[in-house]
Every structure is written in structure tokens, then in C-alpha cells.
Protein backbone atom coordinates (compact mmCIF):
# COMPACT_ATOMS: atom_id res chain seq x y z
CA GLN A 1 -5.98 60.56 164.41
CA VAL A 2 -4.88 58.43 167.32
CA GLN A 3 -2.28 55.69 167.16
CA VAL A 4 -1.85 53.02 169.79
CA VAL A 5 1.24 50.87 169.51
CA GLU A 6 2.20 47.99 171.78
CA SER A 7 5.63 46.45 172.12
CA GLY A 8 7.57 44.13 174.37
CA GLY A 9 6.00 40.77 173.63
CA GLY A 10 7.99 37.63 173.01
CA LEU A 11 8.72 34.08 174.05
CA VAL A 12 9.42 33.45 177.72
CA GLN A 13 9.69 30.36 179.90
CA PRO A 14 7.16 29.68 182.66
CA GLY A 15 8.03 31.73 185.71
CA GLY A 16 9.66 34.41 183.59
CA SER A 17 8.81 38.08 183.16
CA LEU A 18 8.00 40.51 180.39
CA ARG A 19 7.15 44.18 180.32
CA LEU A 20 4.75 45.39 177.66
CA SER A 21 4.69 49.02 176.60
CA CYS A 22 1.92 51.02 174.98
CA VAL A 23 2.42 54.39 173.31
CA VAL A 24 -0.62 56.54 172.55
CA SER A 25 0.10 59.29 170.04
CA GLY A 26 -1.68 61.69 167.74
CA ARG A 27 -4.67 63.55 169.09
CA THR A 28 -4.27 64.50 172.72
CA PHE A 29 -6.89 63.93 175.36
CA SER A 30 -7.40 65.71 178.63
CA GLN A 31 -7.44 62.31 180.24
CA TYR A 32 -8.13 58.68 179.38
CA VAL A 33 -8.29 55.30 180.99
CA MET A 34 -5.77 52.81 179.62
CA GLY A 35 -6.65 49.17 179.46
CA TRP A 36 -4.92 45.93 178.55
CA PHE A 37 -6.77 43.02 177.02
CA ARG A 38 -5.68 39.66 175.67
CA GLN A 39 -6.91 37.04 173.26
CA ALA A 40 -5.73 33.47 173.48
CA PRO A 41 -6.03 31.07 170.54
CA GLY A 42 -9.62 29.93 170.11
CA LYS A 43 -10.90 32.24 172.83
CA GLU A 44 -12.59 35.60 172.99
CA ARG A 45 -10.65 38.70 173.87
CA GLU A 46 -10.76 39.38 177.61
CA PHE A 47 -10.00 42.24 179.94
CA VAL A 48 -6.70 42.01 181.83
CA ALA A 49 -6.08 45.31 183.60
CA ALA A 50 -6.89 49.01 183.54
CA ILE A 51 -5.48 52.17 185.06
CA SER A 52 -6.91 55.63 185.60
CA TRP A 53 -5.38 58.82 184.20
CA ILE A 54 -3.51 59.75 187.37
CA GLY A 55 -2.76 56.13 188.13
CA GLY A 56 -4.40 56.09 191.51
CA SER A 57 -6.94 53.45 190.52
CA THR A 58 -6.22 50.07 188.98
CA ASP A 59 -8.26 46.97 188.21
CA TYR A 60 -7.11 43.44 187.39
CA ILE A 61 -8.76 40.18 186.55
CA GLU A 62 -8.39 37.66 189.32
CA SER A 63 -6.04 35.36 187.45
CA VAL A 64 -3.30 37.99 187.15
CA LYS A 65 -3.58 39.69 190.54
CA GLY A 66 -0.28 39.63 192.36
CA ARG A 67 1.61 38.79 189.16
CA PHE A 68 0.85 41.67 186.77
CA THR A 69 1.30 45.38 187.44
CA ILE A 70 -0.16 48.13 185.26
CA SER A 71 1.38 51.59 185.29
CA ARG A 72 1.66 54.69 183.11
CA ASP A 73 3.83 57.73 182.45
CA ASN A 74 1.58 60.45 181.05
CA ALA A 75 4.53 62.71 180.25
CA LYS A 76 5.64 60.03 177.78
CA ASN A 77 2.12 59.04 176.70
CA THR A 78 3.14 55.52 177.59
CA GLY A 79 1.61 52.75 179.61
CA TYR A 80 3.15 49.54 180.84
CA LEU A 81 2.11 46.06 181.85
CA LEU A 82 4.74 44.27 183.91
CA MET A 83 4.07 40.55 183.90
CA ASN A 84 5.85 38.36 186.43
CA ASN A 85 5.64 34.64 187.14
CA LEU A 86 4.18 34.03 183.72
CA LYS A 87 2.22 30.86 183.10
CA PRO A 88 1.45 28.99 179.88
CA GLU A 89 -2.18 30.10 180.21
CA ASP A 90 -1.00 33.70 179.85
CA THR A 91 -0.11 32.97 176.24
CA ALA A 92 -2.11 35.35 174.06
CA VAL A 93 -2.01 38.42 171.90
CA TYR A 94 -2.05 41.40 174.24
CA TYR A 95 -3.81 44.59 173.22
CA CYS A 96 -3.63 48.08 174.65
CA ALA A 97 -6.65 50.36 174.44
CA ALA A 98 -7.61 53.91 175.38
CA ASP A 99 -10.95 55.09 176.77
CA PRO A 100 -10.79 58.88 176.33
CA GLY A 101 -12.54 61.18 178.69
CA SER A 102 -13.26 58.52 181.26
CA ILE A 103 -12.38 58.78 184.90
CA VAL A 104 -14.02 55.50 185.91
CA LEU A 105 -12.30 52.22 185.16
CA GLY A 106 -14.16 49.75 183.01
CA ARG A 107 -13.80 46.19 181.75
CA ASP A 108 -16.23 46.53 178.86
CA GLN A 109 -14.33 46.53 175.58
CA GLY A 110 -16.97 48.77 174.06
CA ARG A 111 -15.82 51.65 176.24
CA TYR A 112 -12.45 51.76 174.58
CA ASP A 113 -12.33 53.76 171.36
CA TYR A 114 -8.72 53.25 170.33
CA TRP A 115 -6.87 49.98 170.05
CA GLY A 116 -3.41 48.82 169.13
CA GLN A 117 -2.58 45.95 166.80
CA GLY A 118 -1.44 43.69 169.60
CA THR A 119 1.78 42.04 170.66
CA GLN A 120 2.24 38.28 171.00
CA VAL A 121 3.20 36.81 174.36
CA THR A 122 4.10 33.13 174.39
CA VAL A 123 4.89 31.31 177.61
CA SER A 124 6.45 27.94 176.94
CA SER A 125 9.37 25.78 177.97
């Protein structure tokens, strides 16, 4: 069984920063793509960023490019999403997900087999 657990959310003022963490434990995979998604109140869940197993490839939605950085430490089975210059529109529940066996990044939520419970990020003054 695979567990995906996010942490690091909270309340931050506009312009502030947060770093989310995602630990994937349980069954081990030879490799997997890690993705971050978010769901704002009243909206559908959307793709935010993804990173390949080795970390050489990343993908971001346009609205977070230059502000968010996705990274991972495979030795710790942990991924990170560093969020800088946060804006009120970044307020959402952030989810981490794993797409095992993949080497190609994808934005389609259906590719991701394992999901965490989410961590709330609120950007407000």
C-alpha cells in the first residue's frame, strides 16, 4: 500500500513564501513522476507542477512560473513545492500525487494513481 502525505500549508500574507513537502511511503517504485495539484473553493482541481524521477524535467502552469519551484529528494522519498511571492489567487488545497512507472511528465490527473489528502494554503492579509 502506498501513502502520500503532504505538509507545510498554512496562512501567509501576499508576497510571502511557503514550502510544501510530500512524502511517498509504502510500496517502492523503480521510478515515478511527482505532481502537485490544487483546488480552490468552488473550482475544479487543477495541475500546478510536475517533476520527473531524476528531476531533470519539470512542468508548471503559466500562472506559477517564476514563483513556484518543484524539486525532489528520492533518497528521502520526498518532494517539495517552494512557493514564493504568493498571491490571494493561490489560495487552495494543494495535493501531491504520484504517477508510478512514468518517465514522461503529464498534467492529466488520471495518470496519477496515488494521492495525498491535501494541505490548505491560504494567502490573505
